[in-house]
Amino acid sequence: MVKYNTGINIFMDIAGGKWKCLILYFLSQNAVRTKEFYELIPGITQKVLTEQLKQLEKDGLVSREVFNEIPPKVEYSLTELGQSFVPVLKTMCDWGNRYAEMNGNPRDKRIQCDQG
């Protein structure tokens, strides 16, 4: 078992990586179907999306609901624990947008942190 020495280690283990925070951000807006993630996060592969969602579900931040329909419908949403992460996402988004502004990134190319 890994022993953590700071909350940062725990945070990075649960939410670190290229896609997890984006997945959580979009889920903070509303529930998302699997296929919608590909529109929201261009460049993510099916394998990586599946792995990231499984990890977030295992860690208790995301819930997966399967609807008994044909074709099958799967929808993801934030759990109560996942909802508690939304203020962290907003802080990260605000900081990232301030950084982008300092570096000349056009406003229309940035995620707006106060959506929802």
C-alpha atoms as a PDB file:
ATOM      1  CA  MET A   1       0.000   0.000   0.000  1.00  0.00           C
ATOM      2  CA  VAL A   2       1.228   3.471  -0.855  1.00  0.00           C
ATOM      3  CA  LYS A   3       1.773   5.772   2.087  1.00  0.00           C
ATOM      4  CA  TYR A   4       0.940   9.393   1.428  1.00  0.00           C
ATOM      5  CA  ASN A   5       2.759  12.191   3.143  1.00  0.00           C
ATOM      6  CA  THR A   6       0.542  15.085   2.038  1.00  0.00           C
ATOM      7  CA  GLY A   7      -2.928  15.781   0.723  1.00  0.00           C
ATOM      8  CA  ILE A   8      -1.289  16.715  -2.576  1.00  0.00           C
ATOM      9  CA  ASN A   9      -0.266  13.077  -3.128  1.00  0.00           C
ATOM     10  CA  ILE A  10      -3.828  11.921  -2.511  1.00  0.00           C
ATOM     11  CA  PHE A  11      -5.241  14.644  -4.767  1.00  0.00           C
ATOM     12  CA  MET A  12      -2.857  13.792  -7.618  1.00  0.00           C
ATOM     13  CA  ASP A  13      -3.561  10.084  -7.289  1.00  0.00           C
ATOM     14  CA  ILE A  14      -7.305  10.643  -7.576  1.00  0.00           C
ATOM     15  CA  ALA A  15      -7.602  13.633  -9.927  1.00  0.00           C
ATOM     16  CA  GLY A  16      -4.203  13.826 -11.637  1.00  0.00           C
ATOM     17  CA  GLY A  17      -3.568  13.091 -15.265  1.00  0.00           C
ATOM     18  CA  LYS A  18      -4.422  14.679 -18.552  1.00  0.00           C
ATOM     19  CA  TRP A  19      -8.183  14.071 -18.646  1.00  0.00           C
ATOM     20  CA  LYS A  20      -9.675  13.479 -15.182  1.00  0.00           C
ATOM     21  CA  CYS A  21     -10.223  17.117 -14.252  1.00  0.00           C
ATOM     22  CA  LEU A  22     -11.828  17.838 -17.631  1.00  0.00           C
ATOM     23  CA  ILE A  23     -14.123  14.847 -17.191  1.00  0.00           C
ATOM     24  CA  LEU A  24     -15.056  16.079 -13.714  1.00  0.00           C
ATOM     25  CA  TYR A  25     -15.530  19.633 -14.999  1.00  0.00           C
ATOM     26  CA  PHE A  26     -18.018  18.570 -17.674  1.00  0.00           C
ATOM     27  CA  LEU A  27     -19.826  16.324 -15.191  1.00  0.00           C
ATOM     28  CA  SER A  28     -20.100  19.321 -12.854  1.00  0.00           C
ATOM     29  CA  GLN A  29     -22.264  20.968 -15.528  1.00  0.00           C
ATOM     30  CA  ASN A  30     -24.671  18.020 -15.962  1.00  0.00           C
ATOM     31  CA  ALA A  31     -24.819  14.263 -16.489  1.00  0.00           C
ATOM     32  CA  VAL A  32     -22.972  13.141 -19.617  1.00  0.00           C
ATOM     33  CA  ARG A  33     -23.471  10.143 -21.894  1.00  0.00           C
ATOM     34  CA  THR A  34     -20.385   8.258 -22.999  1.00  0.00           C
ATOM     35  CA  LYS A  35     -20.541   9.427 -26.616  1.00  0.00           C
ATOM     36  CA  GLU A  36     -20.913  13.067 -25.532  1.00  0.00           C
ATOM     37  CA  PHE A  37     -17.470  12.989 -23.902  1.00  0.00           C
ATOM     38  CA  TYR A  38     -15.899  12.601 -27.367  1.00  0.00           C
ATOM     39  CA  GLU A  39     -17.512  15.883 -28.450  1.00  0.00           C
ATOM     40  CA  LEU A  40     -16.581  17.663 -25.219  1.00  0.00           C
ATOM     41  CA  ILE A  41     -13.001  16.343 -25.072  1.00  0.00           C
ATOM     42  CA  PRO A  42     -11.607  16.027 -28.601  1.00  0.00           C
ATOM     43  CA  GLY A  43      -8.576  13.766 -28.703  1.00  0.00           C
ATOM     44  CA  ILE A  44      -9.511  11.443 -25.862  1.00  0.00           C
ATOM     45  CA  THR A  45      -9.514   7.803 -26.922  1.00  0.00           C
ATOM     46  CA  GLN A  46     -12.153   5.240 -25.999  1.00  0.00           C
ATOM     47  CA  LYS A  47      -9.599   3.234 -24.006  1.00  0.00           C
ATOM     48  CA  VAL A  48      -8.421   6.223 -21.977  1.00  0.00           C
ATOM     49  CA  LEU A  49     -11.942   7.558 -21.389  1.00  0.00           C
ATOM     50  CA  THR A  50     -13.088   4.146 -20.170  1.00  0.00           C
ATOM     51  CA  GLU A  51     -10.070   3.815 -17.845  1.00  0.00           C
ATOM     52  CA  GLN A  52     -10.454   7.323 -16.427  1.00  0.00           C
ATOM     53  CA  LEU A  53     -14.190   6.905 -15.809  1.00  0.00           C
ATOM     54  CA  LYS A  54     -13.621   3.533 -14.108  1.00  0.00           C
ATOM     55  CA  GLN A  55     -10.945   5.053 -11.850  1.00  0.00           C
ATOM     56  CA  LEU A  56     -13.152   8.026 -10.952  1.00  0.00           C
ATOM     57  CA  GLU A  57     -16.036   5.661 -10.238  1.00  0.00           C
ATOM     58  CA  LYS A  58     -13.788   3.422  -8.080  1.00  0.00           C
ATOM     59  CA  ASP A  59     -12.616   6.496  -6.154  1.00  0.00           C
ATOM     60  CA  GLY A  60     -16.228   7.511  -5.496  1.00  0.00           C
ATOM     61  CA  LEU A  61     -16.349  10.756  -7.486  1.00  0.00           C
ATOM     62  CA  VAL A  62     -18.442   9.526 -10.415  1.00  0.00           C
ATOM     63  CA  SER A  63     -21.502   7.317 -10.668  1.00  0.00           C
ATOM     64  CA  ARG A  64     -22.486   5.303 -13.719  1.00  0.00           C
ATOM     65  CA  GLU A  65     -26.119   4.632 -14.572  1.00  0.00           C
ATOM     66  CA  VAL A  66     -27.101   2.097 -17.216  1.00  0.00           C
ATOM     67  CA  PHE A  67     -30.566   2.517 -18.709  1.00  0.00           C
ATOM     68  CA  ASN A  68     -32.402  -0.566 -19.909  1.00  0.00           C
ATOM     69  CA  GLU A  69     -32.895   0.637 -23.479  1.00  0.00           C
ATOM     70  CA  ILE A  70     -31.969  -0.456 -26.958  1.00  0.00           C
ATOM     71  CA  PRO A  71     -29.434   0.723 -27.859  1.00  0.00           C
ATOM     72  CA  PRO A  72     -28.034   0.747 -24.306  1.00  0.00           C
ATOM     73  CA  LYS A  73     -27.662   4.168 -22.738  1.00  0.00           C
ATOM     74  CA  VAL A  74     -24.983   4.851 -20.125  1.00  0.00           C
ATOM     75  CA  GLU A  75     -24.859   8.159 -18.298  1.00  0.00           C
ATOM     76  CA  TYR A  76     -22.268   9.464 -15.860  1.00  0.00           C
ATOM     77  CA  SER A  77     -22.766  12.030 -13.112  1.00  0.00           C
ATOM     78  CA  LEU A  78     -20.971  13.293 -10.037  1.00  0.00           C
ATOM     79  CA  THR A  79     -21.560  11.652  -6.689  1.00  0.00           C
ATOM     80  CA  GLU A  80     -21.916  13.729  -3.545  1.00  0.00           C
ATOM     81  CA  LEU A  81     -18.166  13.358  -3.060  1.00  0.00           C
ATOM     82  CA  GLY A  82     -17.627  14.433  -6.668  1.00  0.00           C
ATOM     83  CA  GLN A  83     -19.821  17.492  -6.083  1.00  0.00           C
ATOM     84  CA  SER A  84     -17.551  18.467  -3.189  1.00  0.00           C
ATOM     85  CA  PHE A  85     -14.721  18.699  -5.760  1.00  0.00           C
ATOM     86  CA  VAL A  86     -16.509  21.364  -7.878  1.00  0.00           C
ATOM     87  CA  PRO A  87     -15.065  24.363  -5.951  1.00  0.00           C
ATOM     88  CA  VAL A  88     -11.571  22.963  -6.584  1.00  0.00           C
ATOM     89  CA  LEU A  89     -12.350  22.685 -10.313  1.00  0.00           C
ATOM     90  CA  LYS A  90     -13.614  26.286 -10.377  1.00  0.00           C
ATOM     91  CA  THR A  91     -10.450  27.518  -8.660  1.00  0.00           C
ATOM     92  CA  MET A  92      -8.288  25.582 -11.142  1.00  0.00           C
ATOM     93  CA  CYS A  93     -10.299  26.928 -14.078  1.00  0.00           C
ATOM     94  CA  ASP A  94     -10.077  30.534 -12.842  1.00  0.00           C
ATOM     95  CA  TRP A  95      -6.315  30.242 -12.310  1.00  0.00           C
ATOM     96  CA  GLY A  96      -5.804  28.639 -15.725  1.00  0.00           C
ATOM     97  CA  ASN A  97      -7.819  31.363 -17.454  1.00  0.00           C
ATOM     98  CA  ARG A  98      -5.846  34.111 -15.688  1.00  0.00           C
ATOM     99  CA  TYR A  99      -2.628  32.409 -16.807  1.00  0.00           C
ATOM    100  CA  ALA A 100      -3.953  32.089 -20.360  1.00  0.00           C
ATOM    101  CA  GLU A 101      -4.889  35.784 -20.386  1.00  0.00           C
ATOM    102  CA  MET A 102      -1.388  36.761 -19.251  1.00  0.00           C
ATOM    103  CA  ASN A 103      -0.019  34.741 -22.160  1.00  0.00           C
ATOM    104  CA  GLY A 104      -2.321  36.172 -24.811  1.00  0.00           C
ATOM    105  CA  ASN A 105      -4.704  33.213 -25.181  1.00  0.00           C
ATOM    106  CA  PRO A 106      -7.961  34.550 -26.668  1.00  0.00           C
ATOM    107  CA  ARG A 107     -10.921  34.529 -24.287  1.00  0.00           C
ATOM    108  CA  ASP A 108     -13.160  32.700 -26.768  1.00  0.00           C
ATOM    109  CA  LYS A 109     -10.731  29.737 -26.743  1.00  0.00           C
ATOM    110  CA  ARG A 110     -11.063  29.202 -22.972  1.00  0.00           C
ATOM    111  CA  ILE A 111     -13.568  27.249 -20.895  1.00  0.00           C
ATOM    112  CA  GLN A 112     -15.757  29.623 -18.949  1.00  0.00           C
ATOM    113  CA  CYS A 113     -15.546  28.577 -15.315  1.00  0.00           C
ATOM    114  CA  ASP A 114     -18.944  29.885 -14.269  1.00  0.00           C
ATOM    115  CA  GLN A 115     -21.040  27.767 -16.653  1.00  0.00           C
ATOM    116  CA  GLY A 116     -23.845  25.709 -15.238  1.00  0.00           C
END
